[in-house]
Amino acid sequence: MGPRAQSARPGRQRGPGAGWLAGGLLALALLGCEEQKTVGPTLIYKGPNMESTNVLELFSDSARLQIRLTAPLEQRYENGDVIYTKGVSVTFYAKDKSVVNTLTAHYGKLEQTKNLFTMRGDVRVANVPEQQKLFTEELFYDRNKQVIYTDSAMFVRVETLTERLTGYGLKANQNFSSYRITRPEGVFAIDQSVAP
């Protein structure tokens, strides 16, 4: 039964080069796997590092409250920038703690390196003592210079107790007690009998 029994199992026979051939194929397969691991671009996360909801931030100088900021959502990024995607409200206070003016928008961004706020979407500024209001779609607030301004091509509307002014471009102090419209378009008297 010797030779015949061995030939009945053809899968078990190996020639003298079968071992090195199998080892070579295994080495090629392993090298192929390592190349696949290093192929492809490195992805860098650019999203926020931290998110906070129902934010209340107070800014003071010499223990005196100057600014109060509230927002439903705040996103902080690695470079220090802060974005308010669901709206933002800023209140400015006088030395006697009374409200000087308010600034609201549907979106806000603070560029930390420039100390510059960008407000967009139904932006409203209201000076409480002067009873005047500003309406526009985009506004910048420079905290270092303590000024608010728009691009020269941005439409603005200012309302006081007696008149409505329209035009393009605006620059004002942060209290909005003094302002200048770059390209005024019209001044309209407000009818006091129908004014709210």
N, C-alpha and C. Protein backbone atom coordinates (compact mmCIF):
# COMPACT_ATOMS: atom_id res chain seq x y z
N MET A 1 0.77 -1.18 0.00
CA MET A 1 0.00 0.00 0.00
C MET A 1 0.83 1.27 0.00
N GLY A 2 2.13 1.19 0.02
CA GLY A 2 3.01 2.34 0.17
C GLY A 2 2.84 3.40 -0.90
N PRO A 3 3.33 3.20 -2.14
CA PRO A 3 3.30 4.26 -3.13
C PRO A 3 1.91 4.64 -3.53
N ARG A 4 1.01 3.70 -3.58
CA ARG A 4 -0.34 4.01 -4.01
C ARG A 4 -1.06 4.88 -2.99
N ALA A 5 -0.89 4.68 -1.72
CA ALA A 5 -1.55 5.45 -0.68
C ALA A 5 -1.07 6.91 -0.70
N GLN A 6 0.23 7.13 -0.99
CA GLN A 6 0.75 8.49 -1.04
C GLN A 6 0.19 9.26 -2.22
N SER A 7 0.04 8.65 -3.36
CA SER A 7 -0.48 9.35 -4.53
C SER A 7 -1.97 9.60 -4.43
N ALA A 8 -2.67 8.94 -3.51
CA ALA A 8 -4.08 9.18 -3.33
C ALA A 8 -4.33 10.51 -2.62
N ARG A 9 -3.29 11.17 -2.04
CA ARG A 9 -3.45 12.45 -1.36
C ARG A 9 -2.56 13.50 -2.05
N PRO A 10 -3.04 14.05 -3.17
CA PRO A 10 -2.20 14.95 -3.95
C PRO A 10 -1.94 16.30 -3.27
N GLY A 11 -2.79 16.78 -2.39
CA GLY A 11 -2.60 18.08 -1.75
C GLY A 11 -1.48 18.08 -0.73
N ARG A 12 -0.98 17.01 -0.31
CA ARG A 12 0.03 16.92 0.74
C ARG A 12 1.44 16.92 0.19
N GLN A 13 1.62 16.79 -1.08
CA GLN A 13 2.96 16.71 -1.64
C GLN A 13 3.53 18.11 -1.85
N ARG A 14 4.79 18.30 -1.48
CA ARG A 14 5.46 19.57 -1.67
C ARG A 14 6.80 19.33 -2.36
N GLY A 15 7.06 20.27 -3.25
CA GLY A 15 8.35 20.19 -3.93
C GLY A 15 9.39 20.91 -3.09
N PRO A 16 10.66 20.93 -3.50
CA PRO A 16 11.73 21.54 -2.73
C PRO A 16 11.62 23.07 -2.67
N GLY A 17 10.95 23.79 -3.64
CA GLY A 17 10.86 25.25 -3.62
C GLY A 17 9.57 25.78 -3.03
N ALA A 18 8.70 24.92 -2.56
CA ALA A 18 7.39 25.37 -2.07
C ALA A 18 7.51 26.22 -0.81
N GLY A 19 8.44 25.98 0.06
CA GLY A 19 8.59 26.73 1.32
C GLY A 19 9.00 28.18 1.07
N TRP A 20 9.99 28.41 0.25
CA TRP A 20 10.43 29.79 0.00
C TRP A 20 9.40 30.57 -0.79
N LEU A 21 8.63 29.87 -1.68
CA LEU A 21 7.59 30.55 -2.44
C LEU A 21 6.48 31.04 -1.50
N ALA A 22 6.05 30.21 -0.57
CA ALA A 22 5.01 30.60 0.39
C ALA A 22 5.50 31.74 1.29
N GLY A 23 6.75 31.68 1.74
CA GLY A 23 7.33 32.75 2.57
C GLY A 23 7.41 34.06 1.81
N GLY A 24 7.77 34.01 0.53
CA GLY A 24 7.86 35.23 -0.29
C GLY A 24 6.50 35.87 -0.49
N LEU A 25 5.48 35.04 -0.75
CA LEU A 25 4.12 35.57 -0.91
C LEU A 25 3.62 36.22 0.39
N LEU A 26 3.95 35.61 1.53
CA LEU A 26 3.55 36.17 2.82
C LEU A 26 4.24 37.52 3.05
N ALA A 27 5.51 37.63 2.72
CA ALA A 27 6.23 38.89 2.88
C ALA A 27 5.66 39.98 1.99
N LEU A 28 5.30 39.65 0.73
CA LEU A 28 4.69 40.62 -0.17
C LEU A 28 3.33 41.08 0.35
N ALA A 29 2.57 40.16 0.90
CA ALA A 29 1.25 40.51 1.44
C ALA A 29 1.40 41.46 2.62
N LEU A 30 2.39 41.22 3.50
CA LEU A 30 2.61 42.10 4.65
C LEU A 30 3.08 43.48 4.21
N LEU A 31 3.97 43.53 3.21
CA LEU A 31 4.42 44.83 2.71
C LEU A 31 3.27 45.60 2.08
N GLY A 32 2.41 44.91 1.37
CA GLY A 32 1.25 45.56 0.76
C GLY A 32 0.32 46.15 1.80
N CYS A 33 0.16 45.46 2.94
CA CYS A 33 -0.71 45.96 4.01
C CYS A 33 -0.14 47.22 4.63
N GLU A 34 1.18 47.26 4.84
CA GLU A 34 1.79 48.44 5.45
C GLU A 34 1.69 49.64 4.54
N GLU A 35 1.80 49.48 3.24
CA GLU A 35 1.68 50.60 2.31
C GLU A 35 0.27 51.18 2.36
N GLN A 36 -0.74 50.36 2.52
CA GLN A 36 -2.11 50.84 2.58
C GLN A 36 -2.35 51.69 3.83
N LYS A 37 -1.66 51.42 4.91
CA LYS A 37 -1.84 52.18 6.14
C LYS A 37 -1.34 53.62 6.00
N THR A 38 -0.30 53.85 5.23
CA THR A 38 0.28 55.18 5.11
C THR A 38 -0.27 55.98 3.93
N VAL A 39 -1.13 55.37 3.11
CA VAL A 39 -1.67 56.07 1.94
C VAL A 39 -2.84 56.95 2.37
N GLY A 40 -2.94 58.17 1.81
CA GLY A 40 -4.06 59.06 2.09
C GLY A 40 -3.63 60.32 2.82
N PRO A 41 -4.38 61.40 2.64
CA PRO A 41 -4.01 62.67 3.28
C PRO A 41 -4.32 62.65 4.78
N THR A 42 -3.56 63.42 5.53
CA THR A 42 -3.80 63.56 6.96
C THR A 42 -4.92 64.57 7.16
N LEU A 43 -5.94 64.20 7.89
CA LEU A 43 -7.08 65.08 8.14
C LEU A 43 -6.83 65.89 9.41
N ILE A 44 -7.04 67.20 9.33
CA ILE A 44 -6.86 68.08 10.48
C ILE A 44 -8.22 68.61 10.90
N TYR A 45 -8.56 68.46 12.16
CA TYR A 45 -9.84 68.94 12.69
C TYR A 45 -9.80 70.45 12.81
N LYS A 46 -10.79 71.13 12.22
CA LYS A 46 -10.84 72.59 12.25
C LYS A 46 -12.06 73.11 12.99
N GLY A 47 -12.80 72.24 13.63
CA GLY A 47 -14.01 72.64 14.33
C GLY A 47 -13.71 73.20 15.71
N PRO A 48 -14.77 73.51 16.46
CA PRO A 48 -14.57 74.10 17.80
C PRO A 48 -13.96 73.11 18.79
N ASN A 49 -13.16 73.63 19.71
CA ASN A 49 -12.58 72.80 20.78
C ASN A 49 -13.55 72.69 21.96
N MET A 50 -14.44 73.70 22.06
CA MET A 50 -15.37 73.71 23.19
C MET A 50 -16.67 74.40 22.79
N GLU A 51 -17.78 73.88 23.28
CA GLU A 51 -19.09 74.49 23.06
C GLU A 51 -19.76 74.70 24.41
N SER A 52 -20.40 75.86 24.56
CA SER A 52 -21.14 76.15 25.78
C SER A 52 -22.53 76.66 25.40
N THR A 53 -23.53 76.34 26.21
CA THR A 53 -24.89 76.81 25.96
C THR A 53 -25.30 77.79 27.07
N ASN A 54 -26.26 78.65 26.73
CA ASN A 54 -26.78 79.65 27.67
C ASN A 54 -25.64 80.43 28.34
N VAL A 55 -24.85 81.08 27.49
CA VAL A 55 -23.63 81.76 27.93
C VAL A 55 -23.95 83.14 28.52
N LEU A 56 -23.28 83.47 29.59
CA LEU A 56 -23.32 84.81 30.19
C LEU A 56 -21.88 85.18 30.50
N GLU A 57 -21.37 86.23 29.84
CA GLU A 57 -20.00 86.70 30.07
C GLU A 57 -20.05 88.17 30.49
N LEU A 58 -19.27 88.49 31.51
CA LEU A 58 -19.20 89.86 32.02
C LEU A 58 -17.78 90.37 31.82
N PHE A 59 -17.66 91.58 31.25
CA PHE A 59 -16.36 92.21 31.04
C PHE A 59 -16.31 93.44 31.93
N SER A 60 -15.25 93.54 32.73
CA SER A 60 -15.14 94.67 33.65
C SER A 60 -13.75 95.28 33.58
N ASP A 61 -13.64 96.49 34.10
CA ASP A 61 -12.37 97.19 34.20
C ASP A 61 -12.33 97.85 35.57
N SER A 62 -11.30 97.56 36.35
CA SER A 62 -11.17 98.07 37.72
C SER A 62 -12.42 97.74 38.55
N ALA A 63 -12.89 96.52 38.44
CA ALA A 63 -14.06 96.02 39.17
C ALA A 63 -15.35 96.74 38.80
N ARG A 64 -15.37 97.41 37.66
CA ARG A 64 -16.59 98.09 37.20
C ARG A 64 -17.12 97.39 35.95
N LEU A 65 -18.36 96.92 36.01
CA LEU A 65 -18.97 96.23 34.88
C LEU A 65 -19.10 97.17 33.68
N GLN A 66 -18.57 96.72 32.54
CA GLN A 66 -18.65 97.52 31.32
C GLN A 66 -19.54 96.88 30.26
N ILE A 67 -19.40 95.56 30.10
CA ILE A 67 -20.11 94.85 29.02
C ILE A 67 -20.66 93.54 29.56
N ARG A 68 -21.88 93.23 29.14
CA ARG A 68 -22.52 91.94 29.46
C ARG A 68 -22.89 91.28 28.15
N LEU A 69 -22.44 90.05 27.93
CA LEU A 69 -22.71 89.32 26.69
C LEU A 69 -23.50 88.06 27.02
N THR A 70 -24.58 87.81 26.27
CA THR A 70 -25.34 86.58 26.42
C THR A 70 -25.52 85.95 25.05
N ALA A 71 -25.56 84.61 25.02
CA ALA A 71 -25.75 83.88 23.77
C ALA A 71 -26.27 82.48 24.07
N PRO A 72 -27.15 81.95 23.21
CA PRO A 72 -27.64 80.58 23.42
C PRO A 72 -26.55 79.52 23.20
N LEU A 73 -25.59 79.81 22.29
CA LEU A 73 -24.52 78.85 21.98
C LEU A 73 -23.23 79.59 21.68
N GLU A 74 -22.16 79.13 22.30
CA GLU A 74 -20.83 79.72 22.06
C GLU A 74 -19.89 78.59 21.67
N GLN A 75 -19.11 78.80 20.59
CA GLN A 75 -18.12 77.83 20.13
C GLN A 75 -16.75 78.47 20.16
N ARG A 76 -15.81 77.85 20.89
CA ARG A 76 -14.44 78.37 21.01
C ARG A 76 -13.50 77.51 20.18
N TYR A 77 -12.59 78.18 19.46
CA TYR A 77 -11.66 77.51 18.57
C TYR A 77 -10.24 77.59 19.12
N GLU A 78 -9.36 76.74 18.58
CA GLU A 78 -7.99 76.65 19.07
C GLU A 78 -7.23 77.98 18.95
N ASN A 79 -7.51 78.75 17.92
CA ASN A 79 -6.81 80.03 17.73
C ASN A 79 -7.35 81.14 18.63
N GLY A 80 -8.35 80.84 19.46
CA GLY A 80 -8.91 81.82 20.38
C GLY A 80 -10.19 82.48 19.89
N ASP A 81 -10.54 82.30 18.61
CA ASP A 81 -11.76 82.89 18.07
C ASP A 81 -12.99 82.26 18.72
N VAL A 82 -14.05 83.05 18.81
CA VAL A 82 -15.31 82.60 19.41
C VAL A 82 -16.42 82.91 18.43
N ILE A 83 -17.31 81.93 18.20
CA ILE A 83 -18.43 82.11 17.27
C ILE A 83 -19.74 81.86 17.99
N TYR A 84 -20.71 82.73 17.71
CA TYR A 84 -22.06 82.63 18.28
C TYR A 84 -23.01 82.38 17.11
N THR A 85 -23.29 81.12 16.82
CA THR A 85 -24.07 80.76 15.63
C THR A 85 -25.57 80.93 15.82
N LYS A 86 -26.04 81.00 17.05
CA LYS A 86 -27.48 81.10 17.29
C LYS A 86 -27.89 82.46 17.85
N GLY A 87 -27.06 83.47 17.63
CA GLY A 87 -27.38 84.82 18.07
C GLY A 87 -26.54 85.26 19.24
N VAL A 88 -26.48 86.58 19.42
CA VAL A 88 -25.70 87.16 20.50
C VAL A 88 -26.30 88.50 20.88
N SER A 89 -26.21 88.83 22.17
CA SER A 89 -26.71 90.10 22.67
C SER A 89 -25.63 90.71 23.58
N VAL A 90 -25.29 91.98 23.32
CA VAL A 90 -24.26 92.67 24.09
C VAL A 90 -24.89 93.92 24.70
N THR A 91 -24.67 94.12 26.00
CA THR A 91 -25.17 95.30 26.71
C THR A 91 -23.99 96.09 27.25
N PHE A 92 -23.99 97.40 27.00
CA PHE A 92 -22.93 98.29 27.46
C PHE A 92 -23.46 99.09 28.66
N TYR A 93 -22.62 99.24 29.69
CA TYR A 93 -23.02 99.93 30.91
C TYR A 93 -22.21 101.21 31.13
N ALA A 94 -22.86 102.21 31.73
CA ALA A 94 -22.19 103.46 32.12
C ALA A 94 -21.54 103.26 33.49
N LYS A 95 -20.80 104.27 33.95
CA LYS A 95 -20.13 104.18 35.26
C LYS A 95 -21.12 104.04 36.40
N ASP A 96 -22.31 104.60 36.23
CA ASP A 96 -23.33 104.48 37.29
C ASP A 96 -24.14 103.18 37.19
N LYS A 97 -23.68 102.23 36.35
CA LYS A 97 -24.28 100.90 36.15
C LYS A 97 -25.58 100.93 35.35
N SER A 98 -25.94 102.08 34.80
CA SER A 98 -27.14 102.14 33.95
C SER A 98 -26.78 101.64 32.54
N VAL A 99 -27.78 101.14 31.83
CA VAL A 99 -27.56 100.63 30.47
C VAL A 99 -27.41 101.80 29.52
N VAL A 100 -26.31 101.81 28.77
CA VAL A 100 -26.07 102.85 27.77
C VAL A 100 -26.66 102.42 26.43
N ASN A 101 -26.27 101.24 25.96
CA ASN A 101 -26.85 100.74 24.71
C ASN A 101 -26.77 99.23 24.64
N THR A 102 -27.51 98.68 23.69
CA THR A 102 -27.53 97.24 23.46
C THR A 102 -27.23 96.97 21.99
N LEU A 103 -26.68 95.81 21.73
CA LEU A 103 -26.35 95.37 20.37
C LEU A 103 -26.78 93.92 20.25
N THR A 104 -27.63 93.61 19.28
CA THR A 104 -28.07 92.22 19.07
C THR A 104 -27.91 91.84 17.61
N ALA A 105 -27.71 90.54 17.37
CA ALA A 105 -27.57 90.01 16.01
C ALA A 105 -27.88 88.52 16.01
N HIS A 106 -28.17 88.00 14.83
CA HIS A 106 -28.45 86.56 14.70
C HIS A 106 -27.18 85.73 14.71
N TYR A 107 -26.02 86.36 14.43
CA TYR A 107 -24.73 85.66 14.38
C TYR A 107 -23.65 86.61 14.86
N GLY A 108 -22.67 86.08 15.57
CA GLY A 108 -21.55 86.90 16.01
C GLY A 108 -20.26 86.11 16.00
N LYS A 109 -19.17 86.84 15.79
CA LYS A 109 -17.84 86.21 15.81
C LYS A 109 -16.86 87.18 16.45
N LEU A 110 -16.04 86.68 17.37
CA LEU A 110 -14.97 87.46 17.98
C LEU A 110 -13.65 86.93 17.47
N GLU A 111 -12.90 87.80 16.76
CA GLU A 111 -11.54 87.46 16.34
C GLU A 111 -10.62 87.92 17.47
N GLN A 112 -10.10 86.95 18.21
CA GLN A 112 -9.35 87.23 19.44
C GLN A 112 -8.10 88.07 19.19
N THR A 113 -7.36 87.78 18.11
CA THR A 113 -6.10 88.50 17.87
C THR A 113 -6.34 89.98 17.57
N LYS A 114 -7.49 90.31 16.95
CA LYS A 114 -7.80 91.70 16.62
C LYS A 114 -8.72 92.35 17.65
N ASN A 115 -9.29 91.54 18.56
CA ASN A 115 -10.29 92.02 19.52
C ASN A 115 -11.45 92.68 18.77
N LEU A 116 -11.88 92.01 17.70
CA LEU A 116 -12.89 92.56 16.80
C LEU A 116 -14.10 91.63 16.72
N PHE A 117 -15.29 92.19 16.99
CA PHE A 117 -16.54 91.45 16.84
C PHE A 117 -17.11 91.72 15.46
N THR A 118 -17.64 90.68 14.82
CA THR A 118 -18.40 90.81 13.58
C THR A 118 -19.81 90.33 13.88
N MET A 119 -20.81 91.16 13.63
CA MET A 119 -22.21 90.82 13.88
C MET A 119 -22.94 90.78 12.54
N ARG A 120 -23.79 89.75 12.34
CA ARG A 120 -24.52 89.63 11.07
C ARG A 120 -25.96 89.19 11.33
N GLY A 121 -26.82 89.58 10.41
CA GLY A 121 -28.20 89.12 10.43
C GLY A 121 -29.08 89.92 11.38
N ASP A 122 -29.87 90.82 10.84
CA ASP A 122 -30.79 91.65 11.62
C ASP A 122 -30.08 92.29 12.81
N VAL A 123 -29.00 93.01 12.52
CA VAL A 123 -28.22 93.66 13.57
C VAL A 123 -28.96 94.91 14.05
N ARG A 124 -29.07 95.04 15.38
CA ARG A 124 -29.76 96.20 15.96
C ARG A 124 -28.92 96.78 17.09
N VAL A 125 -28.78 98.09 17.06
CA VAL A 125 -28.10 98.82 18.13
C VAL A 125 -29.10 99.82 18.67
N ALA A 126 -29.22 99.89 19.99
CA ALA A 126 -30.16 100.83 20.61
C ALA A 126 -29.48 101.59 21.72
N ASN A 127 -29.40 102.91 21.58
CA ASN A 127 -28.87 103.77 22.62
C ASN A 127 -30.05 104.16 23.52
N VAL A 128 -30.01 103.72 24.76
CA VAL A 128 -31.14 103.91 25.67
C VAL A 128 -31.35 105.37 26.05
N PRO A 129 -30.33 106.10 26.56
CA PRO A 129 -30.57 107.50 26.97
C PRO A 129 -30.98 108.40 25.80
N GLU A 130 -30.36 108.21 24.62
CA GLU A 130 -30.67 109.06 23.46
C GLU A 130 -31.93 108.60 22.71
N GLN A 131 -32.39 107.40 23.02
CA GLN A 131 -33.56 106.80 22.36
C GLN A 131 -33.40 106.78 20.83
N GLN A 132 -32.24 106.30 20.38
CA GLN A 132 -32.02 106.15 18.95
C GLN A 132 -31.59 104.73 18.65
N LYS A 133 -31.97 104.27 17.46
CA LYS A 133 -31.75 102.87 17.08
C LYS A 133 -31.08 102.80 15.72
N LEU A 134 -30.27 101.77 15.54
CA LEU A 134 -29.60 101.48 14.27
C LEU A 134 -30.02 100.10 13.80
N PHE A 135 -30.33 99.98 12.50
CA PHE A 135 -30.69 98.70 11.89
C PHE A 135 -29.78 98.48 10.69
N THR A 136 -29.17 97.30 10.58
CA THR A 136 -28.33 96.95 9.43
C THR A 136 -28.19 95.44 9.38
N GLU A 137 -27.47 94.93 8.40
CA GLU A 137 -27.29 93.48 8.26
C GLU A 137 -25.90 93.00 8.68
N GLU A 138 -24.92 93.90 8.76
CA GLU A 138 -23.59 93.52 9.21
C GLU A 138 -22.93 94.71 9.90
N LEU A 139 -22.29 94.43 11.02
CA LEU A 139 -21.70 95.50 11.83
C LEU A 139 -20.42 94.96 12.48
N PHE A 140 -19.44 95.84 12.65
CA PHE A 140 -18.20 95.48 13.32
C PHE A 140 -18.07 96.30 14.60
N TYR A 141 -17.56 95.67 15.65
CA TYR A 141 -17.31 96.36 16.91
C TYR A 141 -15.86 96.11 17.29
N ASP A 142 -15.06 97.18 17.25
CA ASP A 142 -13.65 97.12 17.60
C ASP A 142 -13.51 97.49 19.07
N ARG A 143 -13.21 96.50 19.91
CA ARG A 143 -13.12 96.75 21.36
C ARG A 143 -11.91 97.59 21.72
N ASN A 144 -10.82 97.48 20.94
CA ASN A 144 -9.62 98.27 21.24
C ASN A 144 -9.88 99.76 21.01
N LYS A 145 -10.53 100.09 19.90
CA LYS A 145 -10.79 101.50 19.55
C LYS A 145 -12.13 101.99 20.11
N GLN A 146 -12.94 101.07 20.62
CA GLN A 146 -14.27 101.37 21.17
C GLN A 146 -15.15 102.09 20.14
N VAL A 147 -15.18 101.51 18.92
CA VAL A 147 -16.03 102.05 17.85
C VAL A 147 -16.84 100.92 17.23
N ILE A 148 -18.02 101.28 16.69
CA ILE A 148 -18.80 100.36 15.89
C ILE A 148 -18.88 100.97 14.49
N TYR A 149 -18.86 100.11 13.48
CA TYR A 149 -18.87 100.61 12.11
C TYR A 149 -19.37 99.53 11.16
N THR A 150 -19.73 99.96 9.95
CA THR A 150 -20.13 99.04 8.89
C THR A 150 -19.23 99.27 7.69
N ASP A 151 -19.32 98.37 6.74
CA ASP A 151 -18.66 98.55 5.46
C ASP A 151 -19.33 99.74 4.76
N SER A 152 -18.60 100.43 3.91
CA SER A 152 -19.16 101.63 3.26
C SER A 152 -20.32 101.30 2.32
N ALA A 153 -20.44 100.04 1.89
CA ALA A 153 -21.52 99.66 0.99
C ALA A 153 -22.73 99.06 1.71
N MET A 154 -22.66 98.98 3.05
CA MET A 154 -23.74 98.36 3.83
C MET A 154 -24.85 99.37 4.10
N PHE A 155 -26.08 98.98 3.79
CA PHE A 155 -27.24 99.85 4.02
C PHE A 155 -27.49 99.96 5.53
N VAL A 156 -27.77 101.16 5.99
CA VAL A 156 -28.08 101.40 7.41
C VAL A 156 -29.32 102.27 7.52
N ARG A 157 -30.03 102.07 8.63
CA ARG A 157 -31.18 102.92 8.95
C ARG A 157 -31.07 103.31 10.42
N VAL A 158 -31.15 104.60 10.69
CA VAL A 158 -31.09 105.12 12.06
C VAL A 158 -32.42 105.79 12.37
N GLU A 159 -32.98 105.45 13.52
CA GLU A 159 -34.24 106.06 13.94
C GLU A 159 -34.04 106.77 15.27
N THR A 160 -34.49 108.03 15.31
CA THR A 160 -34.50 108.80 16.56
C THR A 160 -35.96 109.06 16.92
N LEU A 161 -36.19 109.84 17.93
CA LEU A 161 -37.57 110.15 18.31
C LEU A 161 -38.30 110.96 17.23
N THR A 162 -37.56 111.71 16.44
CA THR A 162 -38.20 112.62 15.48
C THR A 162 -37.95 112.31 14.01
N GLU A 163 -36.92 111.51 13.70
CA GLU A 163 -36.62 111.28 12.28
C GLU A 163 -36.05 109.90 12.02
N ARG A 164 -36.10 109.54 10.75
CA ARG A 164 -35.53 108.28 10.26
C ARG A 164 -34.51 108.64 9.19
N LEU A 165 -33.25 108.21 9.36
CA LEU A 165 -32.18 108.49 8.41
C LEU A 165 -31.75 107.20 7.74
N THR A 166 -31.51 107.24 6.44
CA THR A 166 -31.05 106.05 5.71
C THR A 166 -29.80 106.41 4.92
N GLY A 167 -29.02 105.39 4.60
CA GLY A 167 -27.82 105.60 3.82
C GLY A 167 -26.95 104.36 3.80
N TYR A 168 -25.69 104.56 3.42
CA TYR A 168 -24.73 103.46 3.31
C TYR A 168 -23.47 103.79 4.10
N GLY A 169 -23.06 102.84 4.92
CA GLY A 169 -21.86 103.01 5.73
C GLY A 169 -22.11 103.85 6.96
N LEU A 170 -21.52 103.42 8.09
CA LEU A 170 -21.72 104.15 9.35
C LEU A 170 -20.51 103.93 10.24
N LYS A 171 -20.15 104.97 10.98
CA LYS A 171 -19.13 104.87 12.02
C LYS A 171 -19.64 105.60 13.24
N ALA A 172 -19.48 104.96 14.42
CA ALA A 172 -20.02 105.54 15.66
C ALA A 172 -19.14 105.13 16.83
N ASN A 173 -19.28 105.86 17.96
CA ASN A 173 -18.61 105.41 19.17
C ASN A 173 -19.38 104.20 19.71
N GLN A 174 -18.76 103.44 20.62
CA GLN A 174 -19.38 102.19 21.07
C GLN A 174 -20.69 102.42 21.80
N ASN A 175 -20.92 103.60 22.33
CA ASN A 175 -22.18 103.92 23.01
C ASN A 175 -23.28 104.31 22.05
N PHE A 176 -22.93 104.53 20.79
CA PHE A 176 -23.86 104.97 19.76
C PHE A 176 -24.54 106.28 20.14
N SER A 177 -23.80 107.13 20.85
CA SER A 177 -24.31 108.46 21.17
C SER A 177 -23.88 109.47 20.11
N SER A 178 -22.83 109.12 19.35
CA SER A 178 -22.34 109.97 18.28
C SER A 178 -22.06 109.08 17.07
N TYR A 179 -22.59 109.44 15.89
CA TYR A 179 -22.41 108.60 14.71
C TYR A 179 -22.37 109.47 13.45
N ARG A 180 -21.88 108.84 12.36
CA ARG A 180 -21.85 109.52 11.06
C ARG A 180 -22.17 108.49 9.98
N ILE A 181 -23.14 108.80 9.12
CA ILE A 181 -23.47 107.94 7.98
C ILE A 181 -22.59 108.39 6.81
N THR A 182 -21.86 107.46 6.22
CA THR A 182 -20.90 107.79 5.15
C THR A 182 -21.57 108.39 3.92
N ARG A 183 -22.61 107.71 3.42
CA ARG A 183 -23.35 108.21 2.25
C ARG A 183 -24.83 108.30 2.61
N PRO A 184 -25.26 109.42 3.18
CA PRO A 184 -26.68 109.55 3.55
C PRO A 184 -27.56 109.60 2.31
N GLU A 185 -28.74 108.97 2.41
CA GLU A 185 -29.67 108.95 1.28
C GLU A 185 -30.91 109.78 1.55
N GLY A 186 -31.38 109.77 2.77
CA GLY A 186 -32.60 110.52 3.04
C GLY A 186 -32.86 110.70 4.52
N VAL A 187 -33.58 111.75 4.85
CA VAL A 187 -34.02 112.02 6.22
C VAL A 187 -35.53 112.16 6.16
N PHE A 188 -36.22 111.38 6.97
CA PHE A 188 -37.68 111.40 6.95
C PHE A 188 -38.17 111.71 8.35
N ALA A 189 -39.09 112.65 8.45
CA ALA A 189 -39.67 112.98 9.75
C ALA A 189 -40.62 111.87 10.18
N ILE A 190 -40.60 111.56 11.46
CA ILE A 190 -41.49 110.53 12.01
C ILE A 190 -42.74 111.23 12.54
N ASP A 191 -43.87 110.75 12.09
CA ASP A 191 -45.16 111.30 12.56
C ASP A 191 -45.35 110.84 14.01
N GLN A 192 -45.30 111.76 14.94
CA GLN A 192 -45.40 111.43 16.36
C GLN A 192 -46.76 110.85 16.73
N SER A 193 -47.78 111.11 15.95
CA SER A 193 -49.10 110.59 16.29
C SER A 193 -49.21 109.09 16.03
N VAL A 194 -48.36 108.54 15.14
CA VAL A 194 -48.41 107.10 14.87
C VAL A 194 -47.16 106.38 15.37
N ALA A 195 -46.19 107.12 15.90
CA ALA A 195 -44.95 106.49 16.41
C ALA A 195 -45.27 105.66 17.63
N PRO A 196 -44.65 104.46 17.75
CA PRO A 196 -44.93 103.59 18.91
C PRO A 196 -44.37 104.14 20.18
